[in-house]
Amino acid sequence: FFAAMAESERDHIRDKTLEGQETA
């Protein structure tokens, strides 16, 4: 469960980074 949570957190950080780049 926590392994999946760790993977989900990485995906979330990556998505937020891409959103920030697109906004820029």
PDB file of all heavy atoms in Angstrom:
ATOM      1  N   PHE A   1       0.825  -1.207   0.000  1.00  0.00           N
ATOM      2  CA  PHE A   1       0.000   0.000   0.000  1.00  0.00           C
ATOM      3  C   PHE A   1       0.860   1.258   0.000  1.00  0.00           C
ATOM      4  O   PHE A   1       0.665   2.168  -0.801  1.00  0.00           O
ATOM      5  CB  PHE A   1      -0.923  -0.007   1.220  1.00  0.00           C
ATOM      6  CG  PHE A   1      -1.656   1.294   1.426  1.00  0.00           C
ATOM      7  CD1 PHE A   1      -2.725   1.645   0.604  1.00  0.00           C
ATOM      8  CD2 PHE A   1      -1.271   2.169   2.430  1.00  0.00           C
ATOM      9  CE1 PHE A   1      -3.393   2.846   0.789  1.00  0.00           C
ATOM     10  CE2 PHE A   1      -1.930   3.370   2.621  1.00  0.00           C
ATOM     11  CZ  PHE A   1      -2.993   3.699   1.797  1.00  0.00           C
ATOM     12  N   PHE A   2       1.836   1.307   0.905  1.00  0.00           N
ATOM     13  CA  PHE A   2       2.680   2.495   0.975  1.00  0.00           C
ATOM     14  C   PHE A   2       3.606   2.604  -0.235  1.00  0.00           C
ATOM     15  O   PHE A   2       3.990   3.705  -0.627  1.00  0.00           O
ATOM     16  CB  PHE A   2       3.488   2.500   2.273  1.00  0.00           C
ATOM     17  CG  PHE A   2       2.701   3.018   3.445  1.00  0.00           C
ATOM     18  CD1 PHE A   2       2.199   2.160   4.392  1.00  0.00           C
ATOM     19  CD2 PHE A   2       2.444   4.370   3.575  1.00  0.00           C
ATOM     20  CE1 PHE A   2       1.461   2.638   5.463  1.00  0.00           C
ATOM     21  CE2 PHE A   2       1.714   4.861   4.645  1.00  0.00           C
ATOM     22  CZ  PHE A   2       1.217   3.995   5.590  1.00  0.00           C
ATOM     23  N   ALA A   3       3.971   1.481  -0.829  1.00  0.00           N
ATOM     24  CA  ALA A   3       4.751   1.538  -2.060  1.00  0.00           C
ATOM     25  C   ALA A   3       3.943   2.205  -3.156  1.00  0.00           C
ATOM     26  O   ALA A   3       4.451   3.039  -3.916  1.00  0.00           O
ATOM     27  CB  ALA A   3       5.160   0.121  -2.475  1.00  0.00           C
ATOM     28  N   ALA A   4       2.670   1.840  -3.256  1.00  0.00           N
ATOM     29  CA  ALA A   4       1.795   2.463  -4.250  1.00  0.00           C
ATOM     30  C   ALA A   4       1.607   3.941  -3.957  1.00  0.00           C
ATOM     31  O   ALA A   4       1.550   4.773  -4.869  1.00  0.00           O
ATOM     32  CB  ALA A   4       0.440   1.750  -4.258  1.00  0.00           C
ATOM     33  N   MET A   5       1.527   4.298  -2.676  1.00  0.00           N
ATOM     34  CA  MET A   5       1.397   5.695  -2.299  1.00  0.00           C
ATOM     35  C   MET A   5       2.634   6.492  -2.724  1.00  0.00           C
ATOM     36  O   MET A   5       2.538   7.622  -3.190  1.00  0.00           O
ATOM     37  CB  MET A   5       1.202   5.816  -0.780  1.00  0.00           C
ATOM     38  CG  MET A   5      -0.158   5.324  -0.296  1.00  0.00           C
ATOM     39  SD  MET A   5      -1.517   6.385  -0.875  1.00  0.00           S
ATOM     40  CE  MET A   5      -1.224   7.849   0.107  1.00  0.00           C
ATOM     41  N   ALA A   6       3.805   5.895  -2.572  1.00  0.00           N
ATOM     42  CA  ALA A   6       5.047   6.560  -2.962  1.00  0.00           C
ATOM     43  C   ALA A   6       5.060   6.809  -4.465  1.00  0.00           C
ATOM     44  O   ALA A   6       5.453   7.870  -4.939  1.00  0.00           O
ATOM     45  CB  ALA A   6       6.252   5.714  -2.552  1.00  0.00           C
ATOM     46  N   GLU A   7       4.617   5.827  -5.232  1.00  0.00           N
ATOM     47  CA  GLU A   7       4.564   5.974  -6.684  1.00  0.00           C
ATOM     48  C   GLU A   7       3.566   7.057  -7.069  1.00  0.00           C
ATOM     49  O   GLU A   7       3.811   7.868  -7.961  1.00  0.00           O
ATOM     50  CB  GLU A   7       4.157   4.629  -7.316  1.00  0.00           C
ATOM     51  CG  GLU A   7       4.158   4.633  -8.831  1.00  0.00           C
ATOM     52  CD  GLU A   7       5.562   4.579  -9.402  1.00  0.00           C
ATOM     53  OE1 GLU A   7       6.525   4.436  -8.632  1.00  0.00           O
ATOM     54  OE2 GLU A   7       5.689   4.698 -10.630  1.00  0.00           O
ATOM     55  N   SER A   8       2.413   7.090  -6.376  1.00  0.00           N
ATOM     56  CA  SER A   8       1.396   8.099  -6.650  1.00  0.00           C
ATOM     57  C   SER A   8       1.932   9.498  -6.357  1.00  0.00           C
ATOM     58  O   SER A   8       1.663  10.443  -7.089  1.00  0.00           O
ATOM     59  CB  SER A   8       0.148   7.823  -5.801  1.00  0.00           C
ATOM     60  OG  SER A   8      -0.814   8.838  -5.974  1.00  0.00           O
ATOM     61  N   GLU A   9       2.718   9.627  -5.285  1.00  0.00           N
ATOM     62  CA  GLU A   9       3.275  10.926  -4.917  1.00  0.00           C
ATOM     63  C   GLU A   9       4.238  11.418  -5.990  1.00  0.00           C
ATOM     64  O   GLU A   9       4.237  12.602  -6.351  1.00  0.00           O
ATOM     65  CB  GLU A   9       3.990  10.827  -3.572  1.00  0.00           C
ATOM     66  CG  GLU A   9       4.569  12.157  -3.096  1.00  0.00           C
ATOM     67  CD  GLU A   9       5.273  12.034  -1.763  1.00  0.00           C
ATOM     68  OE1 GLU A   9       5.359  10.908  -1.241  1.00  0.00           O
ATOM     69  OE2 GLU A   9       5.759  13.056  -1.264  1.00  0.00           O
ATOM     70  N   ARG A  10       5.040  10.536  -6.533  1.00  0.00           N
ATOM     71  CA  ARG A  10       5.971  10.919  -7.588  1.00  0.00           C
ATOM     72  C   ARG A  10       5.215  11.374  -8.838  1.00  0.00           C
ATOM     73  O   ARG A  10       5.579  12.343  -9.485  1.00  0.00           O
ATOM     74  CB  ARG A  10       6.894   9.746  -7.929  1.00  0.00           C
ATOM     75  CG  ARG A  10       7.843   9.346  -6.823  1.00  0.00           C
ATOM     76  CD  ARG A  10       8.862   8.351  -7.298  1.00  0.00           C
ATOM     77  NE  ARG A  10       9.822   8.992  -8.181  1.00  0.00           N
ATOM     78  CZ  ARG A  10      10.687   8.331  -8.923  1.00  0.00           C
ATOM     79  NH1 ARG A  10      10.692   7.010  -8.904  1.00  0.00           N
ATOM     80  NH2 ARG A  10      11.549   8.966  -9.695  1.00  0.00           N
ATOM     81  N   ASP A  11       4.145  10.642  -9.175  1.00  0.00           N
ATOM     82  CA  ASP A  11       3.332  11.033 -10.324  1.00  0.00           C
ATOM     83  C   ASP A  11       2.719  12.420 -10.110  1.00  0.00           C
ATOM     84  O   ASP A  11       2.641  13.227 -11.037  1.00  0.00           O
ATOM     85  CB  ASP A  11       2.225  10.008 -10.568  1.00  0.00           C
ATOM     86  CG  ASP A  11       2.765   8.686 -11.072  1.00  0.00           C
ATOM     87  OD1 ASP A  11       3.913   8.672 -11.574  1.00  0.00           O
ATOM     88  OD2 ASP A  11       2.053   7.670 -10.969  1.00  0.00           O
ATOM     89  N   HIS A  12       2.262  12.679  -8.878  1.00  0.00           N
ATOM     90  CA  HIS A  12       1.651  13.974  -8.557  1.00  0.00           C
ATOM     91  C   HIS A  12       2.666  15.106  -8.730  1.00  0.00           C
ATOM     92  O   HIS A  12       2.364  16.151  -9.311  1.00  0.00           O
ATOM     93  CB  HIS A  12       1.129  13.953  -7.122  1.00  0.00           C
ATOM     94  CG  HIS A  12       0.591  15.268  -6.653  1.00  0.00           C
ATOM     95  ND1 HIS A  12      -0.582  15.808  -7.136  1.00  0.00           N
ATOM     96  CD2 HIS A  12       1.084  16.178  -5.748  1.00  0.00           C
ATOM     97  CE1 HIS A  12      -0.803  16.964  -6.552  1.00  0.00           C
ATOM     98  NE2 HIS A  12       0.192  17.216  -5.711  1.00  0.00           N
ATOM     99  N   ILE A  13       3.891  14.891  -8.233  1.00  0.00           N
ATOM    100  CA  ILE A  13       4.935  15.912  -8.359  1.00  0.00           C
ATOM    101  C   ILE A  13       5.266  16.163  -9.829  1.00  0.00           C
ATOM    102  O   ILE A  13       5.419  17.297 -10.259  1.00  0.00           O
ATOM    103  CB  ILE A  13       6.197  15.474  -7.588  1.00  0.00           C
ATOM    104  CG1 ILE A  13       5.912  15.449  -6.086  1.00  0.00           C
ATOM    105  CG2 ILE A  13       7.374  16.397  -7.903  1.00  0.00           C
ATOM    106  CD1 ILE A  13       7.029  14.878  -5.250  1.00  0.00           C
ATOM    107  N   ARG A  14       5.342  15.090 -10.612  1.00  0.00           N
ATOM    108  CA  ARG A  14       5.647  15.226 -12.038  1.00  0.00           C
ATOM    109  C   ARG A  14       4.540  15.987 -12.758  1.00  0.00           C
ATOM    110  O   ARG A  14       4.809  16.860 -13.587  1.00  0.00           O
ATOM    111  CB  ARG A  14       5.838  13.844 -12.664  1.00  0.00           C
ATOM    112  CG  ARG A  14       6.228  13.879 -14.134  1.00  0.00           C
ATOM    113  CD  ARG A  14       6.715  12.537 -14.642  1.00  0.00           C
ATOM    114  NE  ARG A  14       5.727  11.493 -14.427  1.00  0.00           N
ATOM    115  CZ  ARG A  14       5.880  10.503 -13.561  1.00  0.00           C
ATOM    116  NH1 ARG A  14       6.975  10.421 -12.821  1.00  0.00           N
ATOM    117  NH2 ARG A  14       4.942   9.576 -13.411  1.00  0.00           N
ATOM    118  N   ASP A  15       3.271  15.677 -12.426  1.00  0.00           N
ATOM    119  CA  ASP A  15       2.141  16.361 -13.065  1.00  0.00           C
ATOM    120  C   ASP A  15       2.144  17.849 -12.722  1.00  0.00           C
ATOM    121  O   ASP A  15       1.879  18.693 -13.587  1.00  0.00           O
ATOM    122  CB  ASP A  15       0.817  15.735 -12.625  1.00  0.00           C
ATOM    123  CG  ASP A  15       0.627  14.335 -13.205  1.00  0.00           C
ATOM    124  OD1 ASP A  15       1.339  13.992 -14.174  1.00  0.00           O
ATOM    125  OD2 ASP A  15      -0.220  13.592 -12.683  1.00  0.00           O
ATOM    126  N   LYS A  16       2.425  18.180 -11.451  1.00  0.00           N
ATOM    127  CA  LYS A  16       2.453  19.582 -11.043  1.00  0.00           C
ATOM    128  C   LYS A  16       3.580  20.331 -11.752  1.00  0.00           C
ATOM    129  O   LYS A  16       3.429  21.502 -12.119  1.00  0.00           O
ATOM    130  CB  LYS A  16       2.637  19.688  -9.524  1.00  0.00           C
ATOM    131  CG  LYS A  16       1.476  19.131  -8.703  1.00  0.00           C
ATOM    132  CD  LYS A  16       0.184  19.900  -8.954  1.00  0.00           C
ATOM    133  CE  LYS A  16       0.217  21.273  -8.370  1.00  0.00           C
ATOM    134  NZ  LYS A  16      -1.059  21.999  -8.530  1.00  0.00           N
ATOM    135  N   THR A  17       4.702  19.655 -11.961  1.00  0.00           N
ATOM    136  CA  THR A  17       5.828  20.281 -12.670  1.00  0.00           C
ATOM    137  C   THR A  17       5.449  20.591 -14.110  1.00  0.00           C
ATOM    138  O   THR A  17       5.715  21.687 -14.629  1.00  0.00           O
ATOM    139  CB  THR A  17       7.057  19.366 -12.640  1.00  0.00           C
ATOM    140  OG1 THR A  17       7.428  19.125 -11.281  1.00  0.00           O
ATOM    141  CG2 THR A  17       8.240  20.009 -13.364  1.00  0.00           C
ATOM    142  N   LEU A  18       4.810  19.623 -14.775  1.00  0.00           N
ATOM    143  CA  LEU A  18       4.393  19.827 -16.161  1.00  0.00           C
ATOM    144  C   LEU A  18       3.346  20.932 -16.271  1.00  0.00           C
ATOM    145  O   LEU A  18       3.363  21.728 -17.215  1.00  0.00           O
ATOM    146  CB  LEU A  18       3.844  18.511 -16.738  1.00  0.00           C
ATOM    147  CG  LEU A  18       4.874  17.388 -16.913  1.00  0.00           C
ATOM    148  CD1 LEU A  18       4.186  16.114 -17.361  1.00  0.00           C
ATOM    149  CD2 LEU A  18       5.951  17.795 -17.910  1.00  0.00           C
ATOM    150  N   GLU A  19       2.412  20.981 -15.284  1.00  0.00           N
ATOM    151  CA  GLU A  19       1.404  22.035 -15.292  1.00  0.00           C
ATOM    152  C   GLU A  19       2.056  23.410 -15.147  1.00  0.00           C
ATOM    153  O   GLU A  19       1.672  24.375 -15.819  1.00  0.00           O
ATOM    154  CB  GLU A  19       0.409  21.814 -14.141  1.00  0.00           C
ATOM    155  CG  GLU A  19      -0.536  20.642 -14.369  1.00  0.00           C
ATOM    156  CD  GLU A  19      -1.428  20.402 -13.162  1.00  0.00           C
ATOM    157  OE1 GLU A  19      -1.423  21.252 -12.251  1.00  0.00           O
ATOM    158  OE2 GLU A  19      -2.126  19.379 -13.136  1.00  0.00           O
ATOM    159  N   GLY A  20       3.064  23.495 -14.278  1.00  0.00           N
ATOM    160  CA  GLY A  20       3.764  24.761 -14.088  1.00  0.00           C
ATOM    161  C   GLY A  20       4.492  25.204 -15.338  1.00  0.00           C
ATOM    162  O   GLY A  20       4.495  26.391 -15.684  1.00  0.00           O
ATOM    163  N   GLN A  21       5.106  24.240 -16.028  1.00  0.00           N
ATOM    164  CA  GLN A  21       5.799  24.577 -17.267  1.00  0.00           C
ATOM    165  C   GLN A  21       4.824  25.053 -18.336  1.00  0.00           C
ATOM    166  O   GLN A  21       5.106  25.999 -19.074  1.00  0.00           O
ATOM    167  CB  GLN A  21       6.590  23.354 -17.764  1.00  0.00           C
ATOM    168  CG  GLN A  21       7.772  22.992 -16.882  1.00  0.00           C
ATOM    169  CD  GLN A  21       8.478  21.752 -17.365  1.00  0.00           C
ATOM    170  OE1 GLN A  21       7.975  21.011 -18.217  1.00  0.00           O
ATOM    171  NE2 GLN A  21       9.667  21.494 -16.829  1.00  0.00           N
ATOM    172  N   GLU A  22       3.675  24.396 -18.409  1.00  0.00           N
ATOM    173  CA  GLU A  22       2.683  24.782 -19.410  1.00  0.00           C
ATOM    174  C   GLU A  22       2.133  26.176 -19.121  1.00  0.00           C
ATOM    175  O   GLU A  22       1.933  26.988 -20.036  1.00  0.00           O
ATOM    176  CB  GLU A  22       1.543  23.755 -19.429  1.00  0.00           C
ATOM    177  CG  GLU A  22       0.544  23.964 -20.563  1.00  0.00           C
ATOM    178  CD  GLU A  22       1.196  23.872 -21.932  1.00  0.00           C
ATOM    179  OE1 GLU A  22       2.160  23.102 -22.079  1.00  0.00           O
ATOM    180  OE2 GLU A  22       0.739  24.583 -22.844  1.00  0.00           O
ATOM    181  N   THR A  23       1.918  26.482 -17.843  1.00  0.00           N
ATOM    182  CA  THR A  23       1.446  27.813 -17.466  1.00  0.00           C
ATOM    183  C   THR A  23       2.476  28.875 -17.839  1.00  0.00           C
ATOM    184  O   THR A  23       2.135  29.953 -18.338  1.00  0.00           O
ATOM    185  CB  THR A  23       1.183  27.867 -15.948  1.00  0.00           C
ATOM    186  OG1 THR A  23       0.185  26.893 -15.620  1.00  0.00           O
ATOM    187  CG2 THR A  23       0.700  29.239 -15.527  1.00  0.00           C
ATOM    188  N   ALA A  24       3.753  28.547 -17.620  1.00  0.00           N
ATOM    189  CA  ALA A  24       4.819  29.491 -17.964  1.00  0.00           C
ATOM    190  C   ALA A  24       4.865  29.734 -19.463  1.00  0.00           C
ATOM    191  O   ALA A  24       5.077  30.867 -19.918  1.00  0.00           O
ATOM    192  CB  ALA A  24       6.161  28.965 -17.467  1.00  0.00           C
TER     193      ALA A  24
END
